[in-house]
Each structure stands twice: as C-alpha cells, then as structure tokens.
C-alpha atoms as a PDB file:
ATOM      1  CA  MET A   1      -1.336 -24.556  27.256  1.00  0.00           C
ATOM      2  CA  PRO A   2      -0.101 -22.154  24.562  1.00  0.00           C
ATOM      3  CA  ASP A   3      -0.232 -18.433  25.290  1.00  0.00           C
ATOM      4  CA  TYR A   4      -2.590 -17.497  22.450  1.00  0.00           C
ATOM      5  CA  LYS A   5      -2.938 -13.910  23.616  1.00  0.00           C
ATOM      6  CA  GLY A   6       0.834 -13.448  23.623  1.00  0.00           C
ATOM      7  CA  MET A   7       1.160 -15.108  20.219  1.00  0.00           C
ATOM      8  CA  TYR A   8      -1.585 -12.874  18.832  1.00  0.00           C
ATOM      9  CA  TYR A   9       0.135  -9.717  20.109  1.00  0.00           C
ATOM     10  CA  ILE A  10       3.464 -10.763  18.596  1.00  0.00           C
ATOM     11  CA  LEU A  11       1.826 -11.521  15.243  1.00  0.00           C
ATOM     12  CA  PHE A  12      -0.215  -8.300  15.275  1.00  0.00           C
ATOM     13  CA  ASN A  13       2.833  -6.165  16.084  1.00  0.00           C
ATOM     14  CA  LYS A  14       4.980  -7.780  13.393  1.00  0.00           C
ATOM     15  CA  ILE A  15       2.252  -7.348  10.774  1.00  0.00           C
ATOM     16  CA  THR A  16       1.773  -3.709  11.803  1.00  0.00           C
ATOM     17  CA  ASP A  17       5.525  -3.069  11.543  1.00  0.00           C
ATOM     18  CA  THR A  18       5.625  -4.666   8.099  1.00  0.00           C
ATOM     19  CA  VAL A  19       2.681  -2.626   6.819  1.00  0.00           C
ATOM     20  CA  ASN A  20       4.322   0.560   8.098  1.00  0.00           C
ATOM     21  CA  GLN A  21       7.605  -0.349   6.379  1.00  0.00           C
ATOM     22  CA  LEU A  22       5.829  -1.050   3.091  1.00  0.00           C
ATOM     23  CA  THR A  23       3.976   2.257   3.311  1.00  0.00           C
ATOM     24  CA  GLN A  24       7.230   4.125   3.922  1.00  0.00           C
ATOM     25  CA  VAL A  25       8.961   2.429   0.984  1.00  0.00           C
ATOM     26  CA  GLN A  26       5.999   3.148  -1.278  1.00  0.00           C
ATOM     27  CA  GLN A  27       6.101   6.834  -0.340  1.00  0.00           C
ATOM     28  CA  GLU A  28       9.856   6.986  -0.987  1.00  0.00           C
ATOM     29  CA  VAL A  29       9.470   5.423  -4.434  1.00  0.00           C
ATOM     30  CA  GLU A  30       6.565   7.748  -5.272  1.00  0.00           C
ATOM     31  CA  GLU A  31       8.761  10.729  -4.348  1.00  0.00           C
ATOM     32  CA  MET A  32      11.524   9.362  -6.572  1.00  0.00           C
ATOM     33  CA  TYR A  33       9.072   9.069  -9.456  1.00  0.00           C
ATOM     34  CA  ILE A  34       7.629  12.542  -8.918  1.00  0.00           C
ATOM     35  CA  ASN A  35      11.104  14.078  -8.804  1.00  0.00           C
ATOM     36  CA  CYS A  36      12.244  12.242 -11.936  1.00  0.00           C
ATOM     37  CA  GLN A  37      13.039  14.731 -14.693  1.00  0.00           C
ATOM     38  CA  SER A  38      11.524  12.642 -17.461  1.00  0.00           C
ATOM     39  CA  ASN A  39       8.200  11.882 -15.816  1.00  0.00           C
ATOM     40  CA  ASN A  40       5.324  11.533 -18.204  1.00  0.00           C
ATOM     41  CA  ILE A  41       2.229  11.145 -16.058  1.00  0.00           C
ATOM     42  CA  GLN A  42      -1.010  10.444 -17.888  1.00  0.00           C
ATOM     43  CA  ILE A  43      -4.491  10.193 -16.419  1.00  0.00           C
ATOM     44  CA  ILE A  44      -6.485   7.383 -17.983  1.00  0.00           C
ATOM     45  CA  ASN A  45     -10.275   7.376 -17.787  1.00  0.00           C
ATOM     46  CA  ASP A  46     -11.647   3.883 -18.224  1.00  0.00           C
ATOM     47  CA  ASN A  47     -15.439   3.930 -18.542  1.00  0.00           C
ATOM     48  CA  LYS A  48     -15.630   0.135 -18.270  1.00  0.00           C
ATOM     49  CA  ILE A  49     -14.436   0.275 -14.672  1.00  0.00           C
ATOM     50  CA  SER A  50     -16.821   3.054 -13.650  1.00  0.00           C
ATOM     51  CA  ASN A  51     -19.757   1.292 -15.350  1.00  0.00           C
ATOM     52  CA  LYS A  52     -19.024  -1.937 -13.470  1.00  0.00           C
ATOM     53  CA  LYS A  53     -19.057  -0.103 -10.153  1.00  0.00           C
ATOM     54  CA  SER A  54     -22.438   1.488 -10.781  1.00  0.00           C
ATOM     55  CA  ASN A  55     -24.150  -1.839 -11.607  1.00  0.00           C
END
C-alpha cells in the first residue's frame, strides 16, 4: 500500500520550498527595479475595477 502520508509531506515541503524561492526572487527583482536610476513609477486609478468589486 502506498505511503500517502509520506507522499503528501514530500509534496507539501517541495511546494513550500518553491513558493519561498519565488517570493525571494520577486523581492530581489523589486529591489532592482526600485534602485534603478530611470524608474518612472506611476499610480493608476482604475474606477472600473473598484466599481466591479463593490457590486
């Protein structure tokens, strides 16, 4: 009989590791963008999105 509990723990741990790696890479790239000398950050307010959420 397969060890489902063991398989679940392996899968869960690998997924958790992958999510942590992706989060770390995202933070590194965000830092690169923030530190870029030619950054041109614009805040966009889209009323269509906020209206859809309130319905």
